[in-house]
C-alpha atoms as a PDB file:
ATOM      1  CA  UNK A   1     -16.366  13.408  38.211  1.00  0.00           C
ATOM      2  CA  UNK A   2     -12.997  12.928  36.532  1.00  0.00           C
ATOM      3  CA  UNK A   3     -12.658  14.131  32.955  1.00  0.00           C
ATOM      4  CA  UNK A   4      -9.625  13.056  30.877  1.00  0.00           C
ATOM      5  CA  UNK A   5      -8.698  16.053  28.722  1.00  0.00           C
ATOM      6  CA  UNK A   6      -7.135  13.895  25.990  1.00  0.00           C
ATOM      7  CA  UNK A   7     -10.540  12.312  25.334  1.00  0.00           C
ATOM      8  CA  UNK A   8     -12.207  15.707  25.407  1.00  0.00           C
ATOM      9  CA  UNK A   9      -9.707  17.240  22.967  1.00  0.00           C
ATOM     10  CA  UNK A  10     -10.257  14.318  20.564  1.00  0.00           C
ATOM     11  CA  UNK A  11     -14.004  15.000  20.526  1.00  0.00           C
ATOM     12  CA  UNK A  12     -14.293  18.787  20.892  1.00  0.00           C
ATOM     13  CA  UNK A  13     -12.162  21.333  19.038  1.00  0.00           C
ATOM     14  CA  UNK A  14     -10.887  24.035  21.384  1.00  0.00           C
ATOM     15  CA  UNK A  15      -7.896  26.366  21.427  1.00  0.00           C
ATOM     16  CA  UNK A  16      -8.081  26.855  25.202  1.00  0.00           C
ATOM     17  CA  UNK A  17      -5.220  25.572  27.335  1.00  0.00           C
ATOM     18  CA  UNK A  18      -5.987  23.409  30.383  1.00  0.00           C
ATOM     19  CA  UNK A  19      -6.161  26.289  32.885  1.00  0.00           C
ATOM     20  CA  UNK A  20      -8.314  28.490  30.636  1.00  0.00           C
ATOM     21  CA  UNK A  21     -10.680  25.601  29.943  1.00  0.00           C
ATOM     22  CA  UNK A  22     -10.991  24.941  33.689  1.00  0.00           C
ATOM     23  CA  UNK A  23     -11.712  28.644  34.335  1.00  0.00           C
ATOM     24  CA  UNK A  24     -14.423  28.733  31.663  1.00  0.00           C
ATOM     25  CA  UNK A  25     -16.079  25.567  32.950  1.00  0.00           C
ATOM     26  CA  UNK A  26     -16.103  26.972  36.478  1.00  0.00           C
ATOM     27  CA  UNK A  27     -17.614  30.226  35.197  1.00  0.00           C
ATOM     28  CA  UNK A  28     -20.504  28.298  33.584  1.00  0.00           C
ATOM     29  CA  UNK A  29     -21.373  26.504  36.817  1.00  0.00           C
ATOM     30  CA  UNK A  30     -19.368  23.315  36.347  1.00  0.00           C
ATOM     31  CA  UNK A  31     -16.804  23.781  39.105  1.00  0.00           C
ATOM     32  CA  UNK A  32     -13.327  22.415  38.430  1.00  0.00           C
ATOM     33  CA  UNK A  33     -11.808  21.394  41.778  1.00  0.00           C
ATOM     34  CA  UNK A  34      -8.399  20.207  40.573  1.00  0.00           C
ATOM     35  CA  UNK A  35      -6.300  19.891  37.442  1.00  0.00           C
ATOM     36  CA  UNK A  36      -4.243  16.702  37.782  1.00  0.00           C
ATOM     37  CA  UNK A  37      -1.425  15.790  35.420  1.00  0.00           C
ATOM     38  CA  UNK A  38      -0.405  12.130  35.445  1.00  0.00           C
ATOM     39  CA  UNK A  39       2.778  10.635  34.027  1.00  0.00           C
ATOM     40  CA  UNK A  40       6.275  11.812  33.194  1.00  0.00           C
ATOM     41  CA  UNK A  41       6.568  15.339  31.732  1.00  0.00           C
ATOM     42  CA  UNK A  42       7.887  15.047  28.162  1.00  0.00           C
ATOM     43  CA  UNK A  43      11.117  17.046  27.884  1.00  0.00           C
ATOM     44  CA  UNK A  44      14.484  16.366  26.247  1.00  0.00           C
ATOM     45  CA  UNK A  45      16.081  15.982  29.689  1.00  0.00           C
ATOM     46  CA  UNK A  46      13.434  13.460  30.739  1.00  0.00           C
ATOM     47  CA  UNK A  47      13.798  11.526  27.497  1.00  0.00           C
ATOM     48  CA  UNK A  48      17.380  10.818  28.622  1.00  0.00           C
ATOM     49  CA  UNK A  49      16.647  10.825  32.360  1.00  0.00           C
ATOM     50  CA  UNK A  50      14.046   8.038  32.433  1.00  0.00           C
ATOM     51  CA  UNK A  51      15.349   4.769  31.033  1.00  0.00           C
ATOM     52  CA  UNK A  52      14.635   1.094  30.913  1.00  0.00           C
ATOM     53  CA  UNK A  53      17.091  -0.757  33.130  1.00  0.00           C
ATOM     54  CA  UNK A  54      18.050  -4.402  33.625  1.00  0.00           C
ATOM     55  CA  UNK A  55      18.773  -5.376  37.239  1.00  0.00           C
ATOM     56  CA  UNK A  56      22.029  -7.361  37.060  1.00  0.00           C
ATOM     57  CA  UNK A  57      22.499  -7.986  40.798  1.00  0.00           C
ATOM     58  CA  UNK A  58      20.552  -7.292  43.973  1.00  0.00           C
ATOM     59  CA  UNK A  59      22.598  -7.526  47.181  1.00  0.00           C
ATOM     60  CA  UNK A  60      21.521  -6.852  50.750  1.00  0.00           C
ATOM     61  CA  UNK A  61      22.494  -3.353  51.966  1.00  0.00           C
ATOM     62  CA  UNK A  62      25.276  -3.653  54.585  1.00  0.00           C
ATOM     63  CA  UNK A  63      23.585  -1.293  57.072  1.00  0.00           C
ATOM     64  CA  UNK A  64      19.831  -1.636  56.411  1.00  0.00           C
ATOM     65  CA  UNK A  65      17.522  -4.636  56.505  1.00  0.00           C
ATOM     66  CA  UNK A  66      14.972  -3.234  54.060  1.00  0.00           C
ATOM     67  CA  UNK A  67      17.349  -1.823  51.438  1.00  0.00           C
ATOM     68  CA  UNK A  68      19.069  -3.603  48.564  1.00  0.00           C
ATOM     69  CA  UNK A  69      22.075  -2.425  46.558  1.00  0.00           C
ATOM     70  CA  UNK A  70      21.468  -3.015  42.866  1.00  0.00           C
ATOM     71  CA  UNK A  71      23.710  -3.079  39.852  1.00  0.00           C
ATOM     72  CA  UNK A  72      21.541  -1.860  36.956  1.00  0.00           C
ATOM     73  CA  UNK A  73      22.350  -1.743  33.237  1.00  0.00           C
ATOM     74  CA  UNK A  74      20.816   1.508  31.924  1.00  0.00           C
ATOM     75  CA  UNK A  75      22.479   1.406  28.513  1.00  0.00           C
ATOM     76  CA  UNK A  76      25.608   3.285  29.633  1.00  0.00           C
ATOM     77  CA  UNK A  77      29.200   2.023  29.409  1.00  0.00           C
ATOM     78  CA  UNK A  78      29.040   0.536  32.905  1.00  0.00           C
ATOM     79  CA  UNK A  79      26.220  -0.498  35.259  1.00  0.00           C
ATOM     80  CA  UNK A  80      24.872   1.976  37.811  1.00  0.00           C
ATOM     81  CA  UNK A  81      24.711   1.363  41.537  1.00  0.00           C
ATOM     82  CA  UNK A  82      21.203   2.079  42.822  1.00  0.00           C
ATOM     83  CA  UNK A  83      19.894   1.610  46.348  1.00  0.00           C
ATOM     84  CA  UNK A  84      16.283   0.412  46.422  1.00  0.00           C
ATOM     85  CA  UNK A  85      13.841  -0.303  49.233  1.00  0.00           C
ATOM     86  CA  UNK A  86      11.125  -2.052  47.228  1.00  0.00           C
ATOM     87  CA  UNK A  87      10.297  -5.528  48.539  1.00  0.00           C
ATOM     88  CA  UNK A  88       9.804  -7.037  45.079  1.00  0.00           C
ATOM     89  CA  UNK A  89      13.095  -6.015  43.439  1.00  0.00           C
ATOM     90  CA  UNK A  90      15.252  -8.895  42.193  1.00  0.00           C
ATOM     91  CA  UNK A  91      18.079  -9.631  39.792  1.00  0.00           C
ATOM     92  CA  UNK A  92      16.966 -10.290  36.235  1.00  0.00           C
ATOM     93  CA  UNK A  93      14.071  -7.829  36.225  1.00  0.00           C
ATOM     94  CA  UNK A  94      13.495  -5.144  33.629  1.00  0.00           C
ATOM     95  CA  UNK A  95      12.556  -1.911  35.398  1.00  0.00           C
ATOM     96  CA  UNK A  96      11.940   1.817  34.903  1.00  0.00           C
ATOM     97  CA  UNK A  97      14.849   3.933  36.206  1.00  0.00           C
ATOM     98  CA  UNK A  98      15.101   7.663  36.861  1.00  0.00           C
ATOM     99  CA  UNK A  99      18.649   9.005  36.567  1.00  0.00           C
ATOM    100  CA  UNK A 100      20.065  12.070  38.349  1.00  0.00           C
ATOM    101  CA  UNK A 101      18.759  15.199  36.595  1.00  0.00           C
ATOM    102  CA  UNK A 102      15.369  13.710  35.696  1.00  0.00           C
ATOM    103  CA  UNK A 103      12.313  15.707  36.747  1.00  0.00           C
ATOM    104  CA  UNK A 104       9.776  13.513  38.521  1.00  0.00           C
ATOM    105  CA  UNK A 105       6.043  13.881  37.762  1.00  0.00           C
ATOM    106  CA  UNK A 106       5.558  16.005  40.902  1.00  0.00           C
ATOM    107  CA  UNK A 107       8.237  18.469  39.720  1.00  0.00           C
ATOM    108  CA  UNK A 108      11.104  17.280  41.957  1.00  0.00           C
ATOM    109  CA  UNK A 109      14.493  17.079  40.247  1.00  0.00           C
ATOM    110  CA  UNK A 110      16.281  13.841  41.095  1.00  0.00           C
ATOM    111  CA  UNK A 111      19.892  13.989  42.241  1.00  0.00           C
ATOM    112  CA  UNK A 112      22.569  11.607  43.451  1.00  0.00           C
ATOM    113  CA  UNK A 113      21.922  10.312  46.953  1.00  0.00           C
ATOM    114  CA  UNK A 114      23.578   8.414  49.766  1.00  0.00           C
ATOM    115  CA  UNK A 115      21.353   5.981  51.598  1.00  0.00           C
ATOM    116  CA  UNK A 116      22.856   4.701  54.834  1.00  0.00           C
ATOM    117  CA  UNK A 117      26.341   5.431  53.519  1.00  0.00           C
ATOM    118  CA  UNK A 118      25.948   3.807  50.077  1.00  0.00           C
ATOM    119  CA  UNK A 119      25.814   6.024  46.982  1.00  0.00           C
ATOM    120  CA  UNK A 120      22.780   5.677  44.732  1.00  0.00           C
ATOM    121  CA  UNK A 121      23.028   6.894  41.131  1.00  0.00           C
ATOM    122  CA  UNK A 122      19.360   6.709  40.276  1.00  0.00           C
ATOM    123  CA  UNK A 123      15.992   5.434  41.388  1.00  0.00           C
ATOM    124  CA  UNK A 124      14.074   2.308  40.397  1.00  0.00           C
ATOM    125  CA  UNK A 125      10.458   3.412  39.996  1.00  0.00           C
ATOM    126  CA  UNK A 126       7.041   2.168  40.997  1.00  0.00           C
ATOM    127  CA  UNK A 127       3.779   2.882  39.200  1.00  0.00           C
ATOM    128  CA  UNK A 128       2.766   5.358  41.908  1.00  0.00           C
ATOM    129  CA  UNK A 129       6.064   7.274  41.590  1.00  0.00           C
ATOM    130  CA  UNK A 130       5.378   7.585  37.854  1.00  0.00           C
ATOM    131  CA  UNK A 131       1.802   8.645  38.701  1.00  0.00           C
ATOM    132  CA  UNK A 132       0.376   5.765  36.692  1.00  0.00           C
ATOM    133  CA  UNK A 133      -1.458   4.380  39.737  1.00  0.00           C
ATOM    134  CA  UNK A 134      -2.755   5.695  43.062  1.00  0.00           C
ATOM    135  CA  UNK A 135      -0.633   3.208  45.026  1.00  0.00           C
ATOM    136  CA  UNK A 136       1.729   0.314  44.407  1.00  0.00           C
ATOM    137  CA  UNK A 137       3.254  -2.484  46.444  1.00  0.00           C
ATOM    138  CA  UNK A 138       6.714  -2.245  44.879  1.00  0.00           C
ATOM    139  CA  UNK A 139       8.600  -1.403  41.726  1.00  0.00           C
ATOM    140  CA  UNK A 140       7.049  -1.636  38.289  1.00  0.00           C
ATOM    141  CA  UNK A 141       8.429  -4.607  36.373  1.00  0.00           C
ATOM    142  CA  UNK A 142       8.517  -4.089  32.594  1.00  0.00           C
ATOM    143  CA  UNK A 143       8.575  -6.530  29.685  1.00  0.00           C
ATOM    144  CA  UNK A 144      11.894  -8.396  29.424  1.00  0.00           C
ATOM    145  CA  UNK A 145      12.013  -7.756  25.653  1.00  0.00           C
ATOM    146  CA  UNK A 146      12.767  -4.058  26.196  1.00  0.00           C
ATOM    147  CA  UNK A 147      16.396  -3.064  25.668  1.00  0.00           C
ATOM    148  CA  UNK A 148      18.371  -1.430  28.462  1.00  0.00           C
ATOM    149  CA  UNK A 149      18.780   2.296  27.822  1.00  0.00           C
ATOM    150  CA  UNK A 150      15.491   2.710  25.945  1.00  0.00           C
ATOM    151  CA  UNK A 151      13.666   5.873  26.995  1.00  0.00           C
ATOM    152  CA  UNK A 152      10.779   5.052  29.332  1.00  0.00           C
ATOM    153  CA  UNK A 153       8.820   7.813  27.568  1.00  0.00           C
ATOM    154  CA  UNK A 154       8.763   5.569  24.487  1.00  0.00           C
ATOM    155  CA  UNK A 155       7.426   2.613  26.499  1.00  0.00           C
ATOM    156  CA  UNK A 156       4.824   4.027  28.900  1.00  0.00           C
ATOM    157  CA  UNK A 157       1.596   5.855  28.071  1.00  0.00           C
ATOM    158  CA  UNK A 158       2.000   9.591  27.426  1.00  0.00           C
ATOM    159  CA  UNK A 159       1.221  11.979  30.277  1.00  0.00           C
ATOM    160  CA  UNK A 160      -2.382  12.962  30.646  1.00  0.00           C
ATOM    161  CA  UNK A 161      -4.366  15.731  32.276  1.00  0.00           C
ATOM    162  CA  UNK A 162      -7.538  15.101  34.236  1.00  0.00           C
ATOM    163  CA  UNK A 163     -10.041  17.692  35.375  1.00  0.00           C
ATOM    164  CA  UNK A 164     -11.757  16.817  38.642  1.00  0.00           C
ATOM    165  CA  UNK A 165     -15.214  18.376  38.508  1.00  0.00           C
ATOM    166  CA  UNK A 166     -17.726  19.077  41.270  1.00  0.00           C
ATOM    167  CA  UNK A 167     -21.144  18.725  39.742  1.00  0.00           C
ATOM    168  CA  UNK A 168     -24.156  20.233  41.455  1.00  0.00           C
ATOM    169  CA  UNK A 169     -27.602  18.593  41.345  1.00  0.00           C
ATOM    170  CA  UNK A 170     -28.998  21.358  39.119  1.00  0.00           C
ATOM    171  CA  UNK A 171     -26.538  20.414  36.338  1.00  0.00           C
ATOM    172  CA  UNK A 172     -28.014  17.068  35.319  1.00  0.00           C
ATOM    173  CA  UNK A 173     -26.954  17.837  31.751  1.00  0.00           C
ATOM    174  CA  UNK A 174     -23.286  17.551  32.863  1.00  0.00           C
ATOM    175  CA  UNK A 175     -23.556  14.269  34.796  1.00  0.00           C
ATOM    176  CA  UNK A 176     -21.800  12.358  32.010  1.00  0.00           C
ATOM    177  CA  UNK A 177     -18.733  12.841  29.850  1.00  0.00           C
ATOM    178  CA  UNK A 178     -20.822  13.699  26.758  1.00  0.00           C
ATOM    179  CA  UNK A 179     -22.664  16.396  28.726  1.00  0.00           C
ATOM    180  CA  UNK A 180     -19.334  17.974  29.661  1.00  0.00           C
ATOM    181  CA  UNK A 181     -18.253  17.755  26.010  1.00  0.00           C
ATOM    182  CA  UNK A 182     -21.436  19.660  24.999  1.00  0.00           C
ATOM    183  CA  UNK A 183     -20.673  22.247  27.704  1.00  0.00           C
ATOM    184  CA  UNK A 184     -17.115  22.724  26.411  1.00  0.00           C
ATOM    185  CA  UNK A 185     -18.398  23.028  22.855  1.00  0.00           C
ATOM    186  CA  UNK A 186     -20.873  25.700  23.981  1.00  0.00           C
ATOM    187  CA  UNK A 187     -18.215  27.796  25.722  1.00  0.00           C
END
């Protein structure tokens, strides 16, 4: 069972942090298998590091069939050159961009890169790279009304934490989200 902690915290008052709550649930017989955090971590660096971008041009990479060299307006003085391998990227799209220095949802810090000899000053993102979906076929295309340079943190849903629970047959009282809420209230 997957339990979104934001829902739980709206319905049950607790001062326990995520790890302590997971430990207490496990101690009461409701085993927590994983604590999964989805979305972009909210930090000052990430507020500047994840931006809305407008793809100005999308040219074929000179040395790779599956890569495109983009010129992307990210709200800076001049457009950024970004190499992208997504099949659905095209000029005129509004996209989510991670700039060098941004910390990705998995904890990796993004840097400048060279892909097949062409410098890339950022990364155009898919829903799976932002941990908003399990998988994705290409980049995430945003609403065209968004201004280039806007923080993606202001546009996308806030990060969320999910507890993955292993429920045993003897805990029928915890088979639903309200049963888990009663369990948390009791502990």
